[in-house]
Structure formats: C-alpha cells, structure tokens
Protein backbone atom coordinates (compact mmCIF):
# COMPACT_ATOMS: atom_id res chain seq x y z
CA MET A 1 -0.12 0.15 -0.08
CA ALA A 2 2.85 2.56 0.82
CA THR A 3 4.86 1.91 -2.14
CA SER A 4 1.74 2.35 -4.73
CA SER A 5 0.75 5.61 -2.88
CA ILE A 6 4.20 6.94 -2.90
CA THR A 7 5.03 6.38 -6.66
CA ALA A 8 1.20 6.97 -7.91
CA ASN A 9 2.20 10.13 -9.64
CA PHE A 10 5.96 9.62 -10.00
CA TYR A 11 7.14 9.71 -13.53
CA CYS A 12 10.62 10.36 -15.18
CA THR A 13 11.16 11.12 -18.60
CA GLU A 14 15.19 11.22 -18.44
CA ALA A 15 16.62 7.65 -18.94
CA LYS A 16 19.68 8.18 -16.72
CA ALA A 17 17.69 9.70 -14.06
CA ALA A 18 15.32 6.87 -14.08
CA ASN A 19 18.11 4.18 -14.39
CA THR A 20 19.72 5.77 -11.07
CA PHE A 21 16.26 5.75 -9.56
CA VAL A 22 15.86 2.14 -10.18
CA ASP A 23 19.33 1.13 -9.20
CA LEU A 24 18.85 2.85 -5.83
CA LEU A 25 15.33 1.38 -5.34
CA LEU A 26 16.62 -2.20 -6.13
CA SER A 27 20.03 -2.03 -4.10
CA GLU A 28 20.41 -3.43 -0.85
CA ASN A 29 23.38 -1.08 -0.04
CA PRO A 30 23.17 2.35 -1.83
CA PRO A 31 26.53 3.19 -3.41
CA ALA A 32 28.84 5.13 -1.01
CA LYS A 33 28.89 8.29 -3.09
CA TRP A 34 24.89 8.53 -2.72
CA THR A 35 24.00 10.43 0.42
CA ALA A 36 20.30 9.99 1.48
CA PRO A 37 18.76 13.55 2.66
CA ALA A 38 18.09 13.92 6.40
CA PRO A 39 14.97 12.43 7.72
CA THR A 40 12.14 15.01 8.20
CA GLY A 41 9.03 14.72 10.78
CA ALA A 42 8.49 12.74 13.62
CA VAL A 43 8.26 9.07 14.23
CA HIS A 44 5.05 7.93 16.26
CA GLU A 45 5.08 4.50 18.00
CA ILE A 46 1.89 2.65 18.71
CA LYS A 47 1.52 2.20 22.38
CA GLY A 48 -1.05 -0.83 22.74
CA LYS A 49 -3.98 -2.27 21.17
CA ARG A 50 -6.42 0.18 21.63
CA GLU A 51 -4.38 2.77 19.34
CA ILE A 52 -4.03 -0.22 16.77
CA ARG A 53 -7.90 -0.60 16.80
CA SER A 54 -8.39 3.19 16.38
CA ALA A 55 -5.92 3.09 13.65
CA VAL A 56 -7.70 0.44 11.61
CA GLN A 57 -11.25 1.79 12.18
CA ARG A 58 -9.96 5.31 10.58
CA ILE A 59 -8.71 3.23 7.70
CA VAL A 60 -11.80 1.13 7.21
CA ARG A 61 -13.80 4.35 7.34
CA ALA A 62 -11.90 6.28 5.06
CA ARG A 63 -12.15 3.35 2.44
CA ARG A 64 -15.75 3.31 2.92
CA GLY A 65 -16.27 6.76 2.54
CA LYS A 66 -17.27 8.01 6.07
CA VAL A 67 -14.42 10.08 7.19
CA HIS A 68 -15.54 11.90 10.51
CA ALA A 69 -12.98 14.25 11.70
C-alpha cells in the first residue's frame, strides 16, 4: 500500500535519472557516493492495542467514504 501511494504520481522522462532511481530502489546497499537526505518529521510509536484498533477503524471508515474528523 505505501509503495503504490508513494509512486502513484511519479514519472521520470530522463533515462539516466530513471536508471539511477531504479538502481537505488533495488539496491540493498546504496553506493558510497550517494547520500540520503536527512529525515524529516517525527516517528510515532504505537503504544497498544487500543491505538492499533483506532487506526484500523479510521482506515476502514476512510475506505468506505465515511471519514469523520
């Protein structure tokens, strides 16, 4: 699910850039000369079953078109 949503609107028309992207995407260890950008944002850790249940319910409601903020 995450991969499809990340790449849904992605396209590249330059062959060299596309090949580099695919090489990096499929490589287990990126080349030493390539440096990843610094991560941004915060990481959230799920604390328990109640939080998991709440997240699943939000996803189900969103898929059914019944999103309530």
